[in-house]
Amino acid sequence: MPVNGAFTIVVEQHDAGQRLDTAVASRLSACSRSLAATLISRELILVNQQPKKPGYRVRSGDRVVGHIPAAEPVDYRPEPIPLNIRYQDNHIIVIDKQPGMVVHPAPGHRSGTLVNALLYHCPDLGAIGGEIRPGIVHRLDKDTSGIMVVAKDSESQEELARQFKAREVEKKYLALVFGEVESETGEIQLPIGRHPVDRKRMSTTTRKGRAALTAWTVRERLNGITLLELNLKTGRTHQIRVHCSAIGHPVVEDPVYRSRNSIKNLKNKLAGRSASIITAIESAERQQLHAWQLGLTHPKSGEYMTFEAPLPPDMQDLIDKLKAEM
């Protein structure tokens, strides 16, 4: 059945009991469950001439009638912004996001975002949620660099979103943190939720925190700074930044979660041995956090794939300066 037209489905006995959005998606190959749910909520899909919710359980003999409108372009401009593309096929694109790039357009950031760049670089984008747009299934903070995967069609987006939700995606980061982490490996298991006072921040002391787990391994110890490899077992907002701060080792030059005493403590440790180290750290223009590796199952082929992004120049330069003073 063509996507851009009317359709009629009569529910058969073996489909009875399915969610309405699932039943529609299973009968229309080019309609994803998320798109079906959107159209049902907009009352563009009716059951026995009555509006229903996406979770309605269909019954044998139900007559499902609807219309799937043509996909529309999003209200964002494609922009020829350079991208470091690590992999691309008809279903996904993997990029090494540069620090300073916002992922999705929002008030104050209508242009210059990753979405604007992808609309330019990916003319083969399919319809997602009724719009021609890239499928963002996870995000990196503006000043966090590294690997991101983006879906190019609705089915790939749904499958990748399922993998992220089921914690099947392996996410590894590299971070420079203040202080010398004592153990070689460890885990941080502290719930994360909105800060009780500052709603722009996350916190481990909130009453309504969600379970969060970060595993870490020491890569190098560098003159009062530690390079950590971190494995995210969950995907909470600002998880690494919040967890590292909570154990007294905030990410270097994190403007939100760095403690006021971070530089002071480092100066005391160095005892005046090297002012150039302090200068190098204070000259860092963003939090020293990088999404180093991403492992996932390809949404179409089923092949497990691992992608890596080397350390960006600013982090590597700071590491080299710290090593030079050892």
Protein backbone atom coordinates (compact mmCIF):
# COMPACT_ATOMS: atom_id res chain seq x y z
CA MET A 1 0.00 0.00 0.00
CA PRO A 2 1.46 3.43 -0.90
CA VAL A 3 2.33 5.61 2.04
CA ASN A 4 0.90 8.84 0.69
CA GLY A 5 -2.74 7.79 0.52
CA ALA A 6 -5.78 6.33 2.20
CA PHE A 7 -5.88 2.79 3.56
CA THR A 8 -8.31 0.38 5.16
CA ILE A 9 -7.34 -2.51 7.41
CA VAL A 10 -9.74 -5.13 8.73
CA VAL A 11 -8.25 -6.74 11.83
CA GLU A 12 -8.01 -10.51 11.59
CA GLN A 13 -8.29 -12.93 14.48
CA HIS A 14 -4.54 -13.57 14.74
CA ASP A 15 -3.88 -9.82 15.12
CA ALA A 16 -6.47 -9.31 17.86
CA GLY A 17 -4.99 -7.93 21.08
CA GLN A 18 -2.21 -5.93 19.40
CA ARG A 19 -1.75 -2.24 20.12
CA LEU A 20 -3.38 -0.14 17.43
CA ASP A 21 -0.13 1.57 16.43
CA THR A 22 1.63 -1.80 16.21
CA ALA A 23 -1.18 -3.31 14.14
CA VAL A 24 -1.07 -0.44 11.64
CA ALA A 25 2.73 -0.52 11.35
CA SER A 26 2.75 -4.30 10.82
CA ARG A 27 0.31 -4.02 7.91
CA LEU A 28 1.85 -0.96 6.23
CA SER A 29 5.50 -1.63 5.47
CA ALA A 30 6.45 2.02 5.02
CA CYS A 31 4.73 3.22 8.20
CA SER A 32 6.69 2.97 11.45
CA ARG A 33 5.03 2.49 14.82
CA SER A 34 6.03 5.99 15.92
CA LEU A 35 4.48 7.52 12.80
CA ALA A 36 1.35 5.41 13.30
CA ALA A 37 1.12 6.62 16.92
CA THR A 38 1.46 10.23 15.79
CA LEU A 39 -1.28 9.87 13.18
CA ILE A 40 -3.57 8.08 15.63
CA SER A 41 -3.10 10.88 18.16
CA ARG A 42 -3.94 13.42 15.44
CA GLU A 43 -7.10 11.38 14.66
CA LEU A 44 -5.93 10.68 11.12
CA ILE A 45 -6.45 6.99 11.84
CA LEU A 46 -9.84 5.84 13.16
CA VAL A 47 -11.23 2.52 14.37
CA ASN A 48 -14.82 1.85 13.36
CA GLN A 49 -15.06 5.58 12.59
CA GLN A 50 -14.05 6.45 16.16
CA PRO A 51 -10.79 8.02 17.40
CA LYS A 52 -8.71 5.79 19.64
CA LYS A 53 -5.44 6.00 21.53
CA PRO A 54 -2.25 4.40 20.12
CA GLY A 55 -2.39 1.78 22.90
CA TYR A 56 -5.92 0.65 22.09
CA ARG A 57 -6.04 -3.16 21.78
CA VAL A 58 -7.58 -4.03 18.44
CA ARG A 59 -10.31 -6.64 18.14
CA SER A 60 -11.08 -9.11 15.41
CA GLY A 61 -13.24 -7.42 12.80
CA ASP A 62 -12.21 -3.84 13.72
CA ARG A 63 -12.16 -1.63 10.64
CA VAL A 64 -9.12 0.67 10.74
CA VAL A 65 -9.31 3.53 8.25
CA GLY A 66 -6.76 6.27 7.82
CA HIS A 67 -4.72 8.51 5.62
CA ILE A 68 -0.96 8.93 5.69
CA PRO A 69 -0.01 12.38 4.40
CA ALA A 70 3.10 12.97 2.37
CA ALA A 71 6.19 13.61 4.47
CA GLU A 72 6.98 17.30 4.82
CA PRO A 73 10.38 18.94 5.08
CA VAL A 74 11.25 20.27 8.51
CA ASP A 75 11.38 23.98 9.16
CA TYR A 76 15.18 24.03 9.39
CA ARG A 77 17.59 25.03 6.65
CA PRO A 78 20.20 22.64 5.29
CA GLU A 79 23.61 24.21 5.86
CA PRO A 80 26.97 23.23 4.32
CA ILE A 81 28.62 22.79 7.71
CA PRO A 82 31.69 20.50 7.55
CA LEU A 83 31.17 17.12 9.20
CA ASN A 84 33.67 14.44 10.11
CA ILE A 85 31.74 11.42 8.80
CA ARG A 86 33.11 8.12 10.11
CA TYR A 87 30.57 5.82 8.42
CA GLN A 88 27.46 6.14 6.27
CA ASP A 89 25.01 3.88 4.41
CA ASN A 90 21.35 4.07 3.43
CA HIS A 91 20.17 3.63 7.01
CA ILE A 92 22.59 5.30 9.42
CA ILE A 93 25.30 7.92 9.50
CA VAL A 94 28.03 8.02 12.16
CA ILE A 95 29.84 11.29 12.79
CA ASP A 96 32.61 12.58 15.00
CA LYS A 97 30.93 15.67 16.45
CA GLN A 98 33.22 18.62 16.99
CA PRO A 99 33.07 20.51 20.30
CA GLY A 100 30.93 23.61 20.23
CA MET A 101 28.24 22.15 17.96
CA VAL A 102 24.66 22.00 19.22
CA VAL A 103 22.91 18.80 18.16
CA HIS A 104 19.33 19.97 17.59
CA PRO A 105 17.83 23.36 16.68
CA ALA A 106 16.21 25.15 19.60
CA PRO A 107 15.38 28.74 20.57
CA GLY A 108 18.66 30.61 20.22
CA HIS A 109 20.18 27.87 18.06
CA ARG A 110 18.09 27.72 14.88
CA SER A 111 21.13 27.32 12.68
CA GLY A 112 24.63 25.94 12.87
CA THR A 113 23.46 22.70 14.48
CA LEU A 114 24.18 19.08 13.66
CA VAL A 115 20.65 18.72 12.27
CA ASN A 116 21.23 21.62 9.86
CA ALA A 117 24.45 19.95 8.71
CA LEU A 118 22.84 16.53 8.28
CA LEU A 119 20.01 17.96 6.18
CA TYR A 120 22.70 19.19 3.79
CA HIS A 121 24.97 16.14 3.81
CA CYS A 122 22.22 13.48 3.65
CA PRO A 123 19.89 14.09 0.68
CA ASP A 124 18.65 10.49 1.06
CA LEU A 125 16.94 11.07 4.43
CA GLY A 126 13.63 9.26 4.76
CA ALA A 127 10.43 10.23 6.55
CA ILE A 128 10.57 10.11 10.34
CA GLY A 129 7.41 11.05 12.21
CA GLY A 130 5.91 12.46 9.02
CA GLU A 131 8.87 14.76 8.37
CA ILE A 132 11.99 14.52 6.23
CA ARG A 133 14.59 14.79 8.96
CA PRO A 134 17.49 12.95 10.61
CA GLY A 135 16.58 10.57 13.43
CA ILE A 136 18.42 11.75 16.54
CA VAL A 137 18.47 8.79 18.94
CA HIS A 138 21.01 10.14 21.45
CA ARG A 139 22.78 13.42 22.04
CA LEU A 140 26.05 14.89 23.17
CA ASP A 141 26.31 18.16 25.06
CA LYS A 142 27.34 21.17 22.99
CA ASP A 143 30.92 21.13 24.30
CA THR A 144 31.34 17.35 24.34
CA SER A 145 33.03 15.93 21.26
CA GLY A 146 32.93 12.48 19.73
CA ILE A 147 30.98 9.65 18.14
CA MET A 148 27.27 9.92 17.41
CA VAL A 149 24.99 7.70 15.34
CA VAL A 150 21.97 9.14 13.54
CA ALA A 151 19.19 7.21 11.80
CA LYS A 152 18.21 8.05 8.23
CA ASP A 153 14.77 6.38 8.21
CA SER A 154 12.00 5.66 10.71
CA GLU A 155 12.59 1.92 11.06
CA SER A 156 16.28 2.45 11.80
CA GLN A 157 15.42 5.15 14.31
CA GLU A 158 12.99 2.89 16.15
CA GLU A 159 15.47 0.01 16.29
CA LEU A 160 18.35 2.19 17.48
CA ALA A 161 16.10 3.85 20.06
CA ARG A 162 15.13 0.38 21.30
CA GLN A 163 18.80 -0.59 21.63
CA PHE A 164 19.61 2.53 23.62
CA LYS A 165 16.60 2.01 25.89
CA ALA A 166 17.49 -1.65 26.42
CA ARG A 167 21.10 -0.67 27.25
CA GLU A 168 22.43 -2.75 24.38
CA VAL A 169 24.61 0.06 23.05
CA GLU A 170 28.14 0.31 24.46
CA LYS A 171 29.21 3.90 25.10
CA LYS A 172 32.78 4.67 26.13
CA TYR A 173 34.17 8.12 26.87
CA LEU A 174 37.53 9.66 27.71
CA ALA A 175 37.72 12.46 30.24
CA LEU A 176 40.37 14.51 31.96
CA VAL A 177 39.36 14.99 35.60
CA PHE A 178 40.82 16.96 38.47
CA GLY A 179 42.79 15.05 41.11
CA GLU A 180 44.53 11.70 41.18
CA VAL A 181 41.91 8.95 41.24
CA GLU A 182 43.27 6.42 43.72
CA SER A 183 41.96 3.07 42.43
CA GLU A 184 42.67 1.71 38.98
CA THR A 185 39.03 0.83 38.27
CA GLY A 186 35.68 1.42 39.88
CA GLU A 187 32.00 2.18 39.49
CA ILE A 188 29.85 5.17 40.38
CA GLN A 189 26.29 4.13 41.18
CA LEU A 190 24.38 7.23 42.20
CA PRO A 191 20.89 8.27 41.06
CA ILE A 192 20.62 11.38 38.90
CA GLY A 193 17.78 13.89 38.70
CA ARG A 194 17.13 17.60 38.44
CA HIS A 195 18.99 19.75 40.94
CA PRO A 196 16.61 20.76 43.75
CA VAL A 197 17.42 24.47 43.31
CA ASP A 198 19.07 25.04 39.92
CA ARG A 199 16.78 23.48 37.31
CA LYS A 200 19.45 23.77 34.60
CA ARG A 201 21.70 21.35 36.47
CA MET A 202 21.48 17.68 37.35
CA SER A 203 22.31 16.29 40.77
CA THR A 204 22.86 13.07 42.72
CA THR A 205 21.07 14.52 45.76
CA THR A 206 17.63 14.98 44.23
CA ARG A 207 14.63 13.18 45.72
CA LYS A 208 13.44 11.87 42.36
CA GLY A 209 16.69 10.61 40.89
CA ARG A 210 16.82 7.81 38.34
CA ALA A 211 19.30 4.95 38.66
CA ALA A 212 22.62 5.69 36.95
CA LEU A 213 25.78 3.61 36.66
CA THR A 214 29.18 4.66 35.33
CA ALA A 215 32.19 2.31 35.24
CA TRP A 216 35.66 3.82 34.98
CA THR A 217 39.28 2.82 34.41
CA VAL A 218 42.37 4.97 34.88
CA ARG A 219 44.24 5.50 31.61
CA GLU A 220 46.99 7.88 32.80
CA ARG A 221 47.93 9.99 35.81
CA LEU A 222 49.17 13.40 34.77
CA ASN A 223 50.42 15.87 37.40
CA GLY A 224 47.28 16.11 39.49
CA ILE A 225 45.01 15.34 36.54
CA THR A 226 43.71 11.87 35.65
CA LEU A 227 42.71 10.59 32.22
CA LEU A 228 39.75 8.26 32.70
CA GLU A 229 38.05 5.83 30.36
CA LEU A 230 34.37 5.72 31.29
CA ASN A 231 31.75 3.20 30.27
CA LEU A 232 28.16 4.42 30.52
CA LYS A 233 25.84 1.67 31.65
CA THR A 234 22.90 4.11 31.65
CA GLY A 235 22.26 7.31 29.72
CA ARG A 236 21.20 10.06 32.08
CA THR A 237 21.57 13.75 31.26
CA HIS A 238 25.10 14.99 32.08
CA GLN A 239 25.79 11.57 33.65
CA ILE A 240 29.59 11.54 33.46
CA ARG A 241 29.90 15.19 34.45
CA VAL A 242 27.59 14.74 37.46
CA HIS A 243 29.08 11.44 38.60
CA CYS A 244 32.68 12.62 38.37
CA SER A 245 31.85 15.76 40.30
CA ALA A 246 30.00 13.73 42.93
CA ILE A 247 33.12 11.65 43.74
CA GLY A 248 35.33 14.75 43.96
CA HIS A 249 36.94 14.48 40.52
CA PRO A 250 35.05 16.92 38.26
CA VAL A 251 35.81 17.03 34.55
CA VAL A 252 38.50 19.59 33.77
CA GLU A 253 37.03 22.99 32.89
CA ASP A 254 33.42 21.86 33.20
CA PRO A 255 31.71 25.24 33.67
CA VAL A 256 28.69 23.74 35.46
CA TYR A 257 29.94 20.94 37.70
CA ARG A 258 33.55 21.92 38.44
CA SER A 259 34.01 22.80 42.10
CA ARG A 260 35.38 26.18 43.07
CA ASN A 261 38.34 24.50 44.76
CA SER A 262 39.43 22.39 41.76
CA ILE A 263 42.16 24.73 40.56
CA LYS A 264 43.09 25.74 44.12
CA ASN A 265 43.63 22.13 45.14
CA LEU A 266 45.71 21.50 42.03
CA LYS A 267 47.88 24.54 42.75
CA ASN A 268 48.46 23.30 46.30
CA LYS A 269 49.45 19.86 45.05
CA LEU A 270 51.91 21.25 42.53
CA ALA A 271 53.27 23.66 45.15
CA GLY A 272 54.45 26.13 42.53
CA ARG A 273 56.36 23.54 40.53
CA SER A 274 54.79 24.47 37.23
CA ALA A 275 52.66 27.51 36.53
CA SER A 276 52.46 26.40 32.91
CA ILE A 277 50.23 23.46 33.89
CA ILE A 278 47.70 25.78 35.51
CA THR A 279 47.86 28.09 32.51
CA ALA A 280 47.26 25.19 30.12
CA ILE A 281 44.26 23.96 32.11
CA GLU A 282 42.70 27.40 32.51
CA SER A 283 43.09 28.03 28.78
CA ALA A 284 40.90 25.01 27.92
CA GLU A 285 37.79 26.37 26.24
CA ARG A 286 35.41 23.56 27.13
CA GLN A 287 34.93 20.53 29.39
CA GLN A 288 37.53 17.89 28.55
CA LEU A 289 35.10 15.10 27.71
CA HIS A 290 35.07 13.01 24.54
CA ALA A 291 32.74 10.24 23.30
CA TRP A 292 35.47 7.86 22.24
CA GLN A 293 33.72 4.67 21.23
CA LEU A 294 30.23 3.47 20.30
CA GLY A 295 29.22 -0.16 19.78
CA LEU A 296 25.81 -1.11 18.38
CA THR A 297 23.94 -3.58 16.18
CA HIS A 298 23.21 -2.26 12.71
CA PRO A 299 19.43 -1.72 12.55
CA LYS A 300 19.09 -3.42 9.15
CA SER A 301 21.92 -5.93 8.70
CA GLY A 302 22.06 -7.10 12.32
CA GLU A 303 25.87 -6.80 12.26
CA TYR A 304 27.53 -5.61 15.45
CA MET A 305 29.64 -2.54 14.67
CA THR A 306 32.09 -0.49 16.72
CA PHE A 307 33.05 3.08 15.86
CA GLU A 308 35.84 5.17 17.36
CA ALA A 309 36.82 8.83 17.30
CA PRO A 310 40.41 9.79 18.18
CA LEU A 311 40.98 12.43 20.82
CA PRO A 312 40.32 15.91 19.42
CA PRO A 313 43.30 18.29 19.11
CA ASP A 314 42.45 20.39 22.17
CA MET A 315 42.37 17.41 24.54
CA GLN A 316 45.46 15.81 23.02
CA ASP A 317 47.32 19.12 23.25
CA LEU A 318 46.47 19.47 26.94
CA ILE A 319 47.58 15.89 27.63
CA ASP A 320 50.88 16.54 25.82
CA LYS A 321 51.46 19.67 27.90
CA LEU A 322 50.77 17.80 31.14
CA LYS A 323 53.15 15.00 30.15
CA ALA A 324 55.88 17.51 29.25
CA GLU A 325 55.88 18.78 32.84
CA MET A 326 56.19 15.35 34.48
